[in-house]
Amino acid sequence: MDVSSFYSLLKGDFPHTVTPKQDITLQLLAKFVLDNHKNSTFLLKGYAGTGKTTIVGTLVKNLWKAKQSSVLLAPTGRAAKVISNYSNKEAFTIHKKIYYPKSVKGGGVSFTLQPNKHRNVIFIVDEASMIPDINQDSKLFENGSLLDDLMQYVYSGFNCKLLLIGDT
């Protein structure tokens, strides 16, 4: 499938009349999905009511037609439940998907990155603005930052991409 065909598919399956900005977003998402560049990231941002939820729901529903799949993630359990509800697909917290707990000598726990065994997957992260990019918990997370670990995990898979969703 080419970019133009996938864009037409997304636009045709969109449940509302597409606004000009939503139309541009659908075009860019179609290009992002079918682009072969390694370590690709797409940032989808907008105010409440701009259609981010509807766009992502439409994308998730149609990814299989482009021989892609998705993994839905969010920083909190509540946010994961929200993205799961509007996409009709199971969602996970970032921590649950990318880490496994490891006991630390003397008590306590640290999180170690799991291997990413996914192929041709777009990792869709809702509420991305809630992901901390600080190293204050450096003993807790493998690379010191949840954002760094997320990116390392995603890009270690075969042909995996990252779509971040957030408010402006």
C-alpha atoms as a PDB file:
ATOM      1  CA  MET A   1       0.000   0.000   0.000  1.00  0.00           C
ATOM      2  CA  ASP A   2       1.300   3.466  -0.811  1.00  0.00           C
ATOM      3  CA  VAL A   3       0.982   6.649   1.239  1.00  0.00           C
ATOM      4  CA  SER A   4      -1.807   8.103  -0.895  1.00  0.00           C
ATOM      5  CA  SER A   5      -3.928   4.942  -0.624  1.00  0.00           C
ATOM      6  CA  PHE A   6      -3.445   4.701   3.135  1.00  0.00           C
ATOM      7  CA  TYR A   7      -4.307   8.387   3.567  1.00  0.00           C
ATOM      8  CA  SER A   8      -7.501   7.881   1.523  1.00  0.00           C
ATOM      9  CA  LEU A   9      -8.363   4.875   3.668  1.00  0.00           C
ATOM     10  CA  LEU A  10      -7.890   6.860   6.902  1.00  0.00           C
ATOM     11  CA  LYS A  11      -9.867   9.826   5.597  1.00  0.00           C
ATOM     12  CA  GLY A  12     -12.664   7.597   4.324  1.00  0.00           C
ATOM     13  CA  ASP A  13     -12.919   5.797   7.658  1.00  0.00           C
ATOM     14  CA  PHE A  14     -12.867   9.000   9.735  1.00  0.00           C
ATOM     15  CA  PRO A  15     -16.280   9.182  11.468  1.00  0.00           C
ATOM     16  CA  HIS A  16     -16.702  12.971  11.117  1.00  0.00           C
ATOM     17  CA  THR A  17     -16.163  15.619   8.490  1.00  0.00           C
ATOM     18  CA  VAL A  18     -12.406  16.152   8.398  1.00  0.00           C
ATOM     19  CA  THR A  19     -11.224  19.689   9.182  1.00  0.00           C
ATOM     20  CA  PRO A  20      -8.327  21.127   7.148  1.00  0.00           C
ATOM     21  CA  LYS A  21      -5.852  20.575  10.014  1.00  0.00           C
ATOM     22  CA  GLN A  22      -7.106  17.038  10.609  1.00  0.00           C
ATOM     23  CA  ASP A  23      -6.691  16.384   6.888  1.00  0.00           C
ATOM     24  CA  ILE A  24      -3.048  17.489   7.033  1.00  0.00           C
ATOM     25  CA  THR A  25      -2.541  15.326  10.124  1.00  0.00           C
ATOM     26  CA  LEU A  26      -3.987  12.261   8.374  1.00  0.00           C
ATOM     27  CA  GLN A  27      -1.664  12.871   5.403  1.00  0.00           C
ATOM     28  CA  LEU A  28       1.371  13.170   7.676  1.00  0.00           C
ATOM     29  CA  LEU A  29       0.379  10.079   9.672  1.00  0.00           C
ATOM     30  CA  ALA A  30      -0.025   8.040   6.477  1.00  0.00           C
ATOM     31  CA  LYS A  31       3.482   9.078   5.442  1.00  0.00           C
ATOM     32  CA  PHE A  32       4.839   8.304   8.923  1.00  0.00           C
ATOM     33  CA  VAL A  33       3.288   4.818   8.972  1.00  0.00           C
ATOM     34  CA  LEU A  34       4.627   3.827   5.555  1.00  0.00           C
ATOM     35  CA  ASP A  35       7.998   5.577   5.792  1.00  0.00           C
ATOM     36  CA  ASN A  36      10.994   3.248   6.106  1.00  0.00           C
ATOM     37  CA  HIS A  37      13.241   5.567   8.118  1.00  0.00           C
ATOM     38  CA  LYS A  38      14.662   4.020  11.272  1.00  0.00           C
ATOM     39  CA  ASN A  39      13.872   5.423  14.699  1.00  0.00           C
ATOM     40  CA  SER A  40      10.934   7.526  13.510  1.00  0.00           C
ATOM     41  CA  THR A  41       8.880   9.552  15.967  1.00  0.00           C
ATOM     42  CA  PHE A  42       5.608  11.408  15.338  1.00  0.00           C
ATOM     43  CA  LEU A  43       4.327  13.997  17.801  1.00  0.00           C
ATOM     44  CA  LEU A  44       0.557  14.493  17.696  1.00  0.00           C
ATOM     45  CA  LYS A  45      -0.431  17.433  19.831  1.00  0.00           C
ATOM     46  CA  GLY A  46      -3.423  19.673  20.102  1.00  0.00           C
ATOM     47  CA  TYR A  47      -5.896  21.168  22.510  1.00  0.00           C
ATOM     48  CA  ALA A  48      -8.843  19.195  23.868  1.00  0.00           C
ATOM     49  CA  GLY A  49     -11.515  18.743  21.211  1.00  0.00           C
ATOM     50  CA  THR A  50      -9.187  18.942  18.199  1.00  0.00           C
ATOM     51  CA  GLY A  51      -9.761  15.305  17.226  1.00  0.00           C
ATOM     52  CA  LYS A  52      -6.599  13.604  18.512  1.00  0.00           C
ATOM     53  CA  THR A  53      -8.615  10.768  20.021  1.00  0.00           C
ATOM     54  CA  THR A  54     -10.643  10.203  16.855  1.00  0.00           C
ATOM     55  CA  ILE A  55      -7.540  10.351  14.657  1.00  0.00           C
ATOM     56  CA  VAL A  56      -5.711   7.776  16.777  1.00  0.00           C
ATOM     57  CA  GLY A  57      -8.767   5.506  16.943  1.00  0.00           C
ATOM     58  CA  THR A  58      -9.048   5.611  13.145  1.00  0.00           C
ATOM     59  CA  LEU A  59      -5.325   4.931  12.746  1.00  0.00           C
ATOM     60  CA  VAL A  60      -5.297   1.964  15.159  1.00  0.00           C
ATOM     61  CA  LYS A  61      -8.324   0.450  13.442  1.00  0.00           C
ATOM     62  CA  ASN A  62      -6.620   0.561  10.021  1.00  0.00           C
ATOM     63  CA  LEU A  63      -2.940  -0.156  10.710  1.00  0.00           C
ATOM     64  CA  TRP A  64      -3.295  -3.831   9.815  1.00  0.00           C
ATOM     65  CA  LYS A  65      -4.127  -2.809   6.239  1.00  0.00           C
ATOM     66  CA  ALA A  66      -0.629  -1.298   6.021  1.00  0.00           C
ATOM     67  CA  LYS A  67       0.887  -4.482   7.506  1.00  0.00           C
ATOM     68  CA  GLN A  68       1.579  -2.677  10.770  1.00  0.00           C
ATOM     69  CA  SER A  69       0.250  -3.117  14.263  1.00  0.00           C
ATOM     70  CA  SER A  70       0.162  -0.994  17.372  1.00  0.00           C
ATOM     71  CA  VAL A  71       0.927  -1.194  21.064  1.00  0.00           C
ATOM     72  CA  LEU A  72      -0.950   1.346  23.160  1.00  0.00           C
ATOM     73  CA  LEU A  73       0.851   2.835  26.149  1.00  0.00           C
ATOM     74  CA  ALA A  74       0.295   5.538  28.743  1.00  0.00           C
ATOM     75  CA  PRO A  75       2.197   6.783  31.794  1.00  0.00           C
ATOM     76  CA  THR A  76      -0.609   5.885  34.233  1.00  0.00           C
ATOM     77  CA  GLY A  77      -3.176   3.132  34.581  1.00  0.00           C
ATOM     78  CA  ARG A  78      -6.023   5.594  34.243  1.00  0.00           C
ATOM     79  CA  ALA A  79      -4.611   7.077  31.019  1.00  0.00           C
ATOM     80  CA  ALA A  80      -4.094   3.532  29.685  1.00  0.00           C
ATOM     81  CA  LYS A  81      -7.753   2.761  30.372  1.00  0.00           C
ATOM     82  CA  VAL A  82      -8.829   5.892  28.460  1.00  0.00           C
ATOM     83  CA  ILE A  83      -6.753   5.111  25.339  1.00  0.00           C
ATOM     84  CA  SER A  84      -7.950   1.504  25.497  1.00  0.00           C
ATOM     85  CA  ASN A  85     -11.590   2.617  25.554  1.00  0.00           C
ATOM     86  CA  TYR A  86     -11.351   4.905  22.537  1.00  0.00           C
ATOM     87  CA  SER A  87      -9.217   2.516  20.495  1.00  0.00           C
ATOM     88  CA  ASN A  88     -11.037  -0.700  21.411  1.00  0.00           C
ATOM     89  CA  LYS A  89      -7.663  -2.315  22.053  1.00  0.00           C
ATOM     90  CA  GLU A  90      -5.776  -3.309  25.191  1.00  0.00           C
ATOM     91  CA  ALA A  91      -3.394  -0.671  26.537  1.00  0.00           C
ATOM     92  CA  PHE A  92      -0.579  -0.906  29.066  1.00  0.00           C
ATOM     93  CA  THR A  93       1.290   1.419  31.342  1.00  0.00           C
ATOM     94  CA  ILE A  94       4.740   2.202  29.976  1.00  0.00           C
ATOM     95  CA  HIS A  95       6.329   0.596  33.023  1.00  0.00           C
ATOM     96  CA  LYS A  96       4.438  -2.682  32.641  1.00  0.00           C
ATOM     97  CA  LYS A  97       5.345  -3.015  28.965  1.00  0.00           C
ATOM     98  CA  ILE A  98       9.015  -2.057  28.877  1.00  0.00           C
ATOM     99  CA  TYR A  99      10.387  -3.151  32.272  1.00  0.00           C
ATOM    100  CA  TYR A 100      10.631  -6.178  34.441  1.00  0.00           C
ATOM    101  CA  PRO A 101      11.246  -5.724  38.171  1.00  0.00           C
ATOM    102  CA  LYS A 102      14.556  -6.916  39.542  1.00  0.00           C
ATOM    103  CA  SER A 103      15.313  -7.382  43.233  1.00  0.00           C
ATOM    104  CA  VAL A 104      18.197  -5.311  44.514  1.00  0.00           C
ATOM    105  CA  LYS A 105      20.683  -6.710  46.996  1.00  0.00           C
ATOM    106  CA  GLY A 106      19.775  -5.507  50.465  1.00  0.00           C
ATOM    107  CA  GLY A 107      16.082  -5.098  49.599  1.00  0.00           C
ATOM    108  CA  GLY A 108      14.178  -2.952  47.175  1.00  0.00           C
ATOM    109  CA  VAL A 109      13.597  -3.186  43.466  1.00  0.00           C
ATOM    110  CA  SER A 110      14.926  -1.685  40.252  1.00  0.00           C
ATOM    111  CA  PHE A 111      13.449  -1.806  36.770  1.00  0.00           C
ATOM    112  CA  THR A 112      15.360  -3.446  33.921  1.00  0.00           C
ATOM    113  CA  LEU A 113      14.429  -2.966  30.270  1.00  0.00           C
ATOM    114  CA  GLN A 114      12.822  -5.967  28.658  1.00  0.00           C
ATOM    115  CA  PRO A 115      13.906  -6.954  25.161  1.00  0.00           C
ATOM    116  CA  ASN A 116      11.588  -5.579  22.466  1.00  0.00           C
ATOM    117  CA  LYS A 117      10.558  -8.572  20.371  1.00  0.00           C
ATOM    118  CA  HIS A 118       8.000  -6.629  18.324  1.00  0.00           C
ATOM    119  CA  ARG A 119       8.222  -6.251  14.549  1.00  0.00           C
ATOM    120  CA  ASN A 120       6.549  -3.553  12.426  1.00  0.00           C
ATOM    121  CA  VAL A 121       4.837  -1.981  15.424  1.00  0.00           C
ATOM    122  CA  ILE A 122       3.917   1.609  16.132  1.00  0.00           C
ATOM    123  CA  PHE A 123       4.047   2.297  19.860  1.00  0.00           C
ATOM    124  CA  ILE A 124       1.333   4.869  20.561  1.00  0.00           C
ATOM    125  CA  VAL A 125       1.799   6.746  23.836  1.00  0.00           C
ATOM    126  CA  ASP A 126      -1.065   8.892  25.111  1.00  0.00           C
ATOM    127  CA  GLU A 127      -0.550  11.664  27.675  1.00  0.00           C
ATOM    128  CA  ALA A 128       3.101  11.883  26.615  1.00  0.00           C
ATOM    129  CA  SER A 129       3.545  15.191  28.439  1.00  0.00           C
ATOM    130  CA  MET A 130       3.377  13.200  31.690  1.00  0.00           C
ATOM    131  CA  ILE A 131       6.535  11.223  30.859  1.00  0.00           C
ATOM    132  CA  PRO A 132       9.412  12.596  32.922  1.00  0.00           C
ATOM    133  CA  ASP A 133      12.716  13.235  31.177  1.00  0.00           C
ATOM    134  CA  ILE A 134      14.841  13.671  34.272  1.00  0.00           C
ATOM    135  CA  ASN A 135      17.559  11.558  35.783  1.00  0.00           C
ATOM    136  CA  GLN A 136      16.562  11.969  39.419  1.00  0.00           C
ATOM    137  CA  ASP A 137      15.435   8.335  39.626  1.00  0.00           C
ATOM    138  CA  SER A 138      18.620   7.098  37.981  1.00  0.00           C
ATOM    139  CA  LYS A 139      18.889   4.156  40.365  1.00  0.00           C
ATOM    140  CA  LEU A 140      15.318   3.110  39.630  1.00  0.00           C
ATOM    141  CA  PHE A 141      15.308   3.167  35.812  1.00  0.00           C
ATOM    142  CA  GLU A 142      17.914   1.517  33.619  1.00  0.00           C
ATOM    143  CA  ASN A 143      19.004   4.667  31.766  1.00  0.00           C
ATOM    144  CA  GLY A 144      17.944   7.120  34.455  1.00  0.00           C
ATOM    145  CA  SER A 145      15.009   8.547  32.512  1.00  0.00           C
ATOM    146  CA  LEU A 146      11.678   6.953  31.627  1.00  0.00           C
ATOM    147  CA  LEU A 147      11.673   8.793  28.283  1.00  0.00           C
ATOM    148  CA  ASP A 148      15.174   7.552  27.419  1.00  0.00           C
ATOM    149  CA  ASP A 149      14.213   4.000  28.355  1.00  0.00           C
ATOM    150  CA  LEU A 150      10.994   4.181  26.318  1.00  0.00           C
ATOM    151  CA  MET A 151      12.855   5.345  23.225  1.00  0.00           C
ATOM    152  CA  GLN A 152      15.591   2.748  23.648  1.00  0.00           C
ATOM    153  CA  TYR A 153      12.973   0.013  24.050  1.00  0.00           C
ATOM    154  CA  VAL A 154      10.911   1.064  21.019  1.00  0.00           C
ATOM    155  CA  TYR A 155      13.848   1.507  18.657  1.00  0.00           C
ATOM    156  CA  SER A 156      15.463  -1.789  19.665  1.00  0.00           C
ATOM    157  CA  GLY A 157      12.588  -3.622  17.927  1.00  0.00           C
ATOM    158  CA  PHE A 158      12.542  -4.386  14.195  1.00  0.00           C
ATOM    159  CA  ASN A 159      10.977  -1.516  12.213  1.00  0.00           C
ATOM    160  CA  CYS A 160       9.282  -0.060  15.315  1.00  0.00           C
ATOM    161  CA  LYS A 161       8.160   3.566  15.548  1.00  0.00           C
ATOM    162  CA  LEU A 162       6.938   5.909  18.263  1.00  0.00           C
ATOM    163  CA  LEU A 163       3.816   8.085  18.152  1.00  0.00           C
ATOM    164  CA  LEU A 164       3.533  10.483  21.100  1.00  0.00           C
ATOM    165  CA  ILE A 165       0.182  12.131  21.857  1.00  0.00           C
ATOM    166  CA  GLY A 166      -0.197  15.144  24.099  1.00  0.00           C
ATOM    167  CA  ASP A 167      -1.758  18.501  24.715  1.00  0.00           C
ATOM    168  CA  THR A 168      -0.061  21.622  23.500  1.00  0.00           C
END
